[in-house]
Protein backbone atom coordinates (compact mmCIF):
# COMPACT_ATOMS: atom_id res chain seq x y z
CA MET A 1 43.48 0.55 -12.54
CA LYS A 2 42.89 -2.47 -10.29
CA LYS A 3 46.66 -3.09 -10.13
CA MET A 4 47.24 0.49 -9.04
CA ASN A 5 44.53 0.16 -6.38
CA LYS A 6 46.16 -3.00 -5.06
CA ILE A 7 49.52 -1.22 -4.84
CA LEU A 8 47.92 1.62 -2.88
CA LEU A 9 46.09 -0.85 -0.64
CA GLY A 10 49.33 -2.73 -0.04
CA ILE A 11 51.10 0.47 0.97
CA ILE A 12 48.32 1.25 3.46
CA LEU A 13 48.44 -2.26 4.95
CA PHE A 14 52.18 -2.36 5.38
CA THR A 15 52.45 1.21 6.59
CA GLY A 16 49.83 0.54 9.23
CA MET A 17 51.50 -2.68 10.30
CA PHE A 18 54.97 -1.18 10.66
CA PHE A 19 53.63 1.92 12.39
CA THR A 20 51.95 -0.33 14.92
CA GLN A 21 55.15 -2.30 15.47
CA ALA A 22 57.16 0.88 15.91
CA ASN A 23 54.78 2.23 18.56
CA ALA A 24 56.45 2.66 21.92
CA SER A 25 53.62 0.81 23.64
CA TRP A 26 53.35 -2.97 23.46
CA ILE A 27 49.57 -2.66 23.57
CA SER A 28 47.69 -0.45 21.13
CA ASP A 29 44.01 0.46 20.73
CA GLY A 30 43.11 -1.45 17.58
CA LYS A 31 40.27 0.81 16.48
CA TYR A 32 40.19 -0.90 13.09
CA ALA A 33 41.83 -4.22 14.01
CA GLY A 34 38.49 -6.03 13.67
CA GLU A 35 37.16 -3.90 10.83
CA PHE A 36 36.79 -6.86 8.46
CA LEU A 37 34.22 -8.31 10.86
CA SER A 38 32.05 -5.19 10.56
CA ILE A 39 31.53 -5.65 6.79
CA GLY A 40 28.69 -8.06 7.41
CA ILE A 41 27.39 -11.32 5.96
CA ASP A 42 24.07 -12.45 4.42
CA PRO A 43 22.75 -10.43 1.45
CA ARG A 44 19.34 -10.28 3.10
CA ALA A 45 20.77 -8.30 6.00
CA LEU A 46 23.15 -6.29 3.84
CA GLY A 47 20.42 -5.40 1.35
CA MET A 48 18.58 -3.88 4.31
CA GLY A 49 21.51 -1.65 5.19
CA GLY A 50 22.77 -3.97 7.94
CA ALA A 51 19.71 -3.40 10.16
CA PHE A 52 19.34 -7.00 11.28
CA VAL A 53 20.11 -7.53 14.97
CA ALA A 54 16.41 -7.97 15.81
CA GLN A 55 15.69 -10.30 12.86
CA ALA A 56 18.74 -12.58 12.88
CA ASP A 57 17.98 -16.25 12.27
CA GLY A 58 19.37 -19.27 10.48
CA ALA A 59 23.01 -19.77 9.58
CA SER A 60 23.88 -16.06 9.72
CA ALA A 61 22.66 -15.61 13.31
CA ALA A 62 26.03 -16.72 14.72
CA TYR A 63 27.31 -13.42 13.28
CA TRP A 64 24.36 -11.01 13.65
CA ASN A 65 22.87 -12.18 16.96
CA PRO A 66 23.29 -15.70 18.38
CA ALA A 67 19.94 -15.35 20.17
CA GLY A 68 18.41 -15.81 16.72
CA LEU A 69 19.51 -19.45 16.77
CA ALA A 70 16.86 -20.23 19.38
CA GLY A 71 13.98 -22.34 18.15
CA LEU A 72 15.37 -23.20 14.69
CA LEU A 73 13.00 -25.35 12.64
CA SER A 74 15.46 -26.80 10.12
CA HIS A 75 19.09 -27.37 9.25
CA GLU A 76 20.61 -24.69 7.02
CA ALA A 77 23.89 -24.45 5.13
CA VAL A 78 24.81 -21.20 3.38
CA PHE A 79 27.64 -19.87 1.24
CA MET A 80 28.09 -16.19 0.47
CA HIS A 81 30.55 -14.56 -1.90
CA ALA A 82 31.11 -10.83 -2.19
CA GLU A 83 33.22 -8.81 -4.60
CA GLN A 84 34.17 -5.69 -2.68
CA PHE A 85 35.24 -2.48 -4.43
CA ASP A 86 35.18 -3.60 -8.07
CA GLY A 87 36.59 -7.02 -7.24
CA ILE A 88 39.75 -5.89 -5.44
CA VAL A 89 38.69 -7.49 -2.15
CA GLY A 90 37.15 -10.96 -1.90
CA TYR A 91 34.83 -11.65 1.04
CA ASP A 92 33.34 -15.10 1.71
CA TYR A 93 31.18 -16.73 4.36
CA LEU A 94 30.38 -20.39 4.95
CA GLY A 95 27.84 -21.20 7.65
CA TYR A 96 25.75 -24.00 9.10
CA SER A 97 22.98 -24.02 11.70
CA ARG A 98 20.90 -26.80 13.22
CA PRO A 99 18.02 -27.05 15.70
CA GLY A 100 18.61 -28.58 19.12
CA SER A 101 16.24 -29.69 21.85
CA ASP A 102 14.11 -27.58 24.18
CA GLY A 103 14.18 -24.46 22.01
CA THR A 104 17.93 -24.40 21.44
CA GLY A 105 19.90 -24.01 18.23
CA TRP A 106 23.54 -24.18 17.16
CA GLY A 107 25.45 -22.29 14.52
CA PHE A 108 28.92 -22.38 13.00
CA GLY A 109 30.54 -20.04 10.51
CA LEU A 110 33.75 -19.10 8.74
CA ILE A 111 34.53 -15.65 7.31
CA ARG A 112 37.45 -14.91 4.99
CA LEU A 113 38.55 -11.56 3.60
CA GLY A 114 41.40 -11.62 1.10
CA VAL A 115 43.34 -9.16 -0.98
CA ASP A 116 45.56 -11.24 -3.25
CA ASP A 117 48.41 -10.43 -5.63
CA ILE A 118 49.61 -7.32 -3.80
CA PRO A 119 52.96 -6.28 -5.31
CA VAL A 120 55.74 -5.44 -2.85
CA THR A 121 58.18 -3.03 -4.49
CA THR A 122 61.83 -2.19 -3.98
CA LEU A 123 64.62 -0.33 -5.75
CA GLU A 124 66.88 -2.08 -8.21
CA ASP A 125 69.82 -0.97 -6.06
CA LEU A 126 68.86 -0.38 -2.42
CA GLY A 127 72.16 1.35 -1.80
CA GLN A 128 71.36 4.14 -4.24
CA PRO A 129 68.63 6.81 -4.32
CA LEU A 130 65.66 6.64 -6.66
CA SER A 131 66.54 7.87 -10.14
CA SER A 132 65.94 7.15 -13.81
CA ALA A 133 68.79 4.65 -13.61
CA ASN A 134 67.58 3.11 -10.33
CA ARG A 135 63.90 2.39 -10.78
CA VAL A 136 61.25 0.84 -8.59
CA ILE A 137 60.69 -2.84 -9.35
CA ILE A 138 58.37 -5.52 -7.98
CA ASP A 139 60.27 -7.62 -5.45
CA HIS A 140 57.55 -10.20 -4.83
CA MET A 141 53.79 -10.67 -4.62
CA THR A 142 51.98 -11.07 -1.32
CA SER A 143 48.48 -11.01 0.14
CA ASP A 144 46.43 -9.83 3.09
CA THR A 145 44.14 -12.49 4.57
CA GLU A 146 41.82 -12.10 7.56
CA MET A 147 39.65 -14.92 8.87
CA ALA A 148 37.24 -15.63 11.72
CA ALA A 149 35.64 -18.91 12.78
CA PHE A 150 32.43 -18.83 14.86
CA ALA A 151 30.70 -21.35 17.13
CA ALA A 152 27.43 -20.18 18.68
CA PHE A 153 24.28 -21.31 20.43
CA GLY A 154 20.89 -19.77 21.17
CA LYS A 155 18.13 -20.74 23.59
CA ARG A 156 14.52 -19.69 24.01
CA TYR A 157 13.98 -18.69 27.63
CA SER A 158 10.29 -17.95 27.11
CA ASP A 159 7.95 -16.83 24.36
CA LEU A 160 9.19 -13.30 25.10
CA ILE A 161 12.96 -13.74 25.51
CA SER A 162 15.74 -15.62 23.69
CA TYR A 163 19.44 -15.39 24.43
CA GLY A 164 22.66 -16.68 22.92
CA ALA A 165 26.44 -16.53 22.89
CA ALA A 166 29.24 -17.04 20.37
CA ALA A 167 32.97 -17.71 20.52
CA LYS A 168 35.22 -16.69 17.63
CA LEU A 169 38.79 -17.39 16.66
CA ILE A 170 40.38 -14.60 14.61
CA GLY A 171 43.49 -14.85 12.43
CA LYS A 172 45.35 -12.33 10.28
CA TRP A 173 48.17 -12.85 7.83
CA VAL A 174 49.95 -9.89 6.20
CA ASP A 175 53.01 -10.79 4.13
CA THR A 176 55.28 -12.70 6.56
CA ASN A 177 53.51 -11.59 9.74
CA SER A 178 50.52 -13.13 11.50
CA ALA A 179 48.24 -12.46 14.46
CA TYR A 180 45.66 -14.47 16.39
CA GLY A 181 42.94 -13.73 18.92
CA VAL A 182 39.88 -15.17 20.64
CA GLY A 183 36.69 -13.19 21.23
CA PHE A 184 33.20 -13.67 22.66
CA ASP A 185 29.80 -12.20 21.78
CA VAL A 186 26.46 -12.37 23.62
CA GLY A 187 23.01 -11.63 22.27
CA LEU A 188 19.43 -11.08 23.39
CA ARG A 189 16.15 -10.92 21.49
CA LEU A 190 12.75 -9.79 22.74
CA HIS A 191 9.45 -10.58 21.02
CA PRO A 192 6.88 -8.60 23.04
CA TRP A 193 4.18 -8.55 20.36
CA GLU A 194 3.42 -10.67 17.31
CA HIS A 195 4.82 -8.24 14.75
CA VAL A 196 7.46 -6.48 16.87
CA ALA A 197 10.96 -7.64 17.80
CA PHE A 198 13.91 -6.04 19.56
CA GLY A 199 17.47 -7.26 19.62
CA ALA A 200 20.75 -6.47 21.33
CA MET A 201 24.23 -7.90 20.87
CA LEU A 202 27.48 -7.12 22.67
CA GLN A 203 30.48 -8.02 20.53
CA ASP A 204 33.94 -8.64 21.99
CA VAL A 205 32.47 -8.68 25.49
CA VAL A 206 35.74 -8.80 27.41
CA THR A 207 37.74 -6.96 24.70
CA THR A 208 39.42 -9.13 22.08
CA ALA A 209 43.22 -9.16 21.97
CA LEU A 210 45.01 -9.80 18.67
CA ILE A 211 48.59 -10.86 19.32
CA TRP A 212 51.09 -10.50 16.47
CA ASP A 213 54.14 -12.70 16.03
CA THR A 214 56.19 -9.51 16.51
CA GLY A 215 54.94 -9.28 20.11
CA GLN A 216 52.60 -6.39 19.36
CA LYS A 217 49.12 -6.64 20.87
CA GLU A 218 46.02 -4.92 19.47
CA LEU A 219 42.81 -4.64 21.46
CA ILE A 220 39.37 -4.72 19.82
CA ALA A 221 36.99 -2.76 22.06
CA PRO A 222 33.41 -3.96 22.67
CA THR A 223 30.60 -2.89 20.35
CA LEU A 224 26.96 -2.80 21.43
CA LYS A 225 24.37 -3.31 18.70
CA VAL A 226 20.72 -2.57 19.44
CA GLY A 227 17.81 -2.59 17.04
CA GLY A 228 14.17 -3.21 16.35
CA ALA A 229 11.95 -4.56 13.58
CA TYR A 230 8.26 -4.08 12.83
CA GLN A 231 6.24 -6.19 10.39
CA ILE A 232 3.12 -5.04 8.59
CA GLU A 233 0.96 -7.75 7.06
CA ILE A 234 -0.81 -6.89 3.79
CA PRO A 235 -3.31 -9.76 3.30
CA ALA A 236 -4.80 -8.35 0.09
CA LEU A 237 -1.40 -8.63 -1.62
CA ILE A 238 -0.30 -11.80 0.22
CA ALA A 239 2.63 -9.67 1.31
CA ARG A 240 4.57 -8.51 4.36
CA LEU A 241 6.49 -5.28 4.85
CA THR A 242 9.31 -5.22 7.42
CA LEU A 243 10.86 -2.01 8.72
CA ALA A 244 14.10 -2.23 10.71
CA ALA A 245 16.62 0.08 12.37
CA ASP A 246 19.89 -0.59 14.24
CA LEU A 247 22.42 1.46 16.19
CA ASP A 248 26.03 0.28 16.61
CA MET A 249 27.82 1.83 19.59
CA ARG A 250 31.60 1.35 19.75
CA PHE A 251 33.40 1.87 23.04
CA THR A 252 36.37 3.54 21.40
CA ASP A 253 36.93 6.95 19.83
CA ARG A 254 36.91 6.62 16.03
CA GLY A 255 36.29 10.32 15.44
CA GLU A 256 34.76 11.21 12.08
CA ALA A 257 34.80 7.59 10.93
CA ASP A 258 31.40 7.16 12.62
CA GLN A 259 28.18 9.19 12.50
CA PHE A 260 27.91 10.11 16.16
CA GLN A 261 30.43 10.85 18.85
CA LEU A 262 29.87 11.11 22.60
CA GLY A 263 33.14 11.33 24.42
CA ALA A 264 35.05 8.08 23.89
CA ILE A 265 31.98 6.36 22.35
CA THR A 266 31.12 6.57 18.66
CA ALA A 267 28.07 5.17 16.89
CA ASP A 268 26.58 4.36 13.48
CA SER A 269 22.94 3.87 12.49
CA HIS A 270 21.40 1.53 9.91
CA ILE A 271 17.91 1.46 8.45
CA GLY A 272 16.27 -1.00 6.09
CA LEU A 273 13.05 -2.42 4.72
CA GLU A 274 11.93 -5.63 3.05
CA TYR A 275 8.84 -6.21 0.92
CA PHE A 276 8.06 -9.92 0.86
CA ILE A 277 5.34 -11.54 -1.23
CA ASN A 278 4.33 -15.19 -1.35
CA VAL A 279 3.61 -16.49 -4.85
CA SER A 280 2.25 -20.07 -4.82
CA GLY A 281 4.62 -21.15 -2.03
CA THR A 282 7.63 -19.27 -3.40
CA GLY A 283 8.67 -16.09 -1.65
CA VAL A 284 10.01 -13.08 -3.52
CA ALA A 285 11.69 -10.30 -1.54
CA LEU A 286 12.76 -6.78 -2.48
CA ARG A 287 14.99 -4.87 -0.06
CA GLY A 288 16.51 -1.48 0.47
CA GLY A 289 18.52 0.26 3.15
CA ALA A 290 21.01 2.92 4.09
CA GLU A 291 24.39 2.87 5.80
CA PRO A 292 26.55 5.72 7.09
CA SER A 293 29.01 7.37 4.77
CA ARG A 294 32.69 6.68 5.44
CA GLU A 295 33.70 9.84 3.63
CA PRO A 296 34.11 12.86 5.98
CA ASP A 297 33.06 15.32 3.26
CA GLU A 298 30.13 13.22 1.96
CA GLU A 299 26.91 15.19 1.91
CA GLY A 300 23.89 13.81 3.72
CA PHE A 301 23.38 11.78 6.87
CA PHE A 302 23.59 8.49 4.97
CA GLY A 303 26.17 8.20 2.24
CA ASN A 304 25.72 4.58 1.14
CA TYR A 305 22.46 3.08 -0.07
CA THR A 306 21.90 -0.65 -0.46
CA PHE A 307 19.51 -2.70 -2.56
CA GLY A 308 18.74 -6.38 -2.66
CA ALA A 309 16.41 -9.17 -3.73
CA GLY A 310 15.75 -12.78 -2.86
CA ILE A 311 13.89 -15.90 -3.90
CA LEU A 312 12.90 -18.21 -1.06
CA THR A 313 11.40 -21.69 -0.99
CA LYS A 314 11.17 -24.28 1.76
CA SER A 315 14.34 -25.98 0.50
CA PHE A 316 16.58 -23.13 -0.68
CA HIS A 317 17.12 -19.38 -0.58
CA VAL A 318 18.96 -17.26 -3.15
CA ASP A 319 19.77 -13.70 -2.08
CA TYR A 320 21.60 -10.79 -3.70
CA ALA A 321 22.67 -7.37 -2.40
CA PHE A 322 24.31 -4.37 -4.06
CA LEU A 323 26.21 -1.45 -2.58
CA ALA A 324 27.52 1.46 -4.63
CA HIS A 325 30.51 3.46 -3.36
CA PRO A 326 31.37 6.85 -4.92
CA GLU A 327 35.14 6.28 -4.79
CA LEU A 328 35.90 2.58 -4.39
CA GLY A 329 33.43 1.10 -6.86
CA SER A 330 30.52 -1.27 -6.48
CA THR A 331 30.11 -4.27 -4.20
CA HIS A 332 28.05 -7.33 -5.19
CA ARG A 333 27.02 -9.97 -2.68
CA VAL A 334 25.28 -13.25 -3.47
CA ALA A 335 24.40 -16.20 -1.25
CA LEU A 336 22.84 -19.63 -1.65
CA ALA A 337 21.26 -21.39 1.34
CA VAL A 338 20.00 -24.98 1.44
CA LEU A 339 17.49 -26.05 4.12
CA TRP A 340 16.49 -29.57 5.15
CA GLY A 341 15.16 -31.63 8.09
CA HIS A 342 12.23 -29.36 8.80
CA THR A 343 10.60 -29.97 12.19
CA ASN A 344 7.46 -27.96 11.41
């Protein structure tokens, strides 16, 4: 079954690539050119349905909101591995963040999505039509690899406002073709009250261009992410409940692929919650969330529900998230973070 899924995925990848190359225009609107970057990193965030722009911190903030790098209190290194769609797609993240001076912080990250061992088929005799005597055979095996490297900083402007920015280098390799691009993100976080935070992030600020070795150019339109988080302290249980919600607005028309559509702008919403309890210095977290359905005929406003859990100490964090998909199978995400050099 997995082999058949890889064949189908390969057909989709190559068909899309050749269709793009055959387009009469040298520049195309790459509505899904940066789709691998929208999958998300950090099981904590993903277990909460991706509602994280107001809470971003640590080594994943370079991705979710670089303003979250402001005022870091320790160094952090994290590795995340995800098995997407019953293991067909591998998705990995390696990140590092460190505190700076005067309320600044720095973050670096590397994302890799890979679909390996994709069979490329051909006919035994290309000069003859398909028949029982001229069957389809595997010509060679190939892969689809997409990567992005991040460098980001955040700075605390005041107790109320933090801001940040990130630069990213994107690369794609499909069979014998490759593409590269450079993009920029900016972020803002507001902390007006002790238990309330708001965040905003503009991805691909000036539109990111992916240039293929064929000469084709795909444009990734900007996406504006806005969100908020509210924490409720429960002293009797030594616990904290966090409620979060995000809205992703894409400045391109993706039609029914997104929840909302307003002219040439489409949008998706995310909601999540985290129940965190401190047990003798060790934190235990349970998480849940909801993401939009990607199936046009899926019933209900949210089609995908997420669940997660984590164990947190001063020196390490272990987090897990699970997403079930009705057609493409389950996705498991796990991450290990190590923290050191605490300044507080």
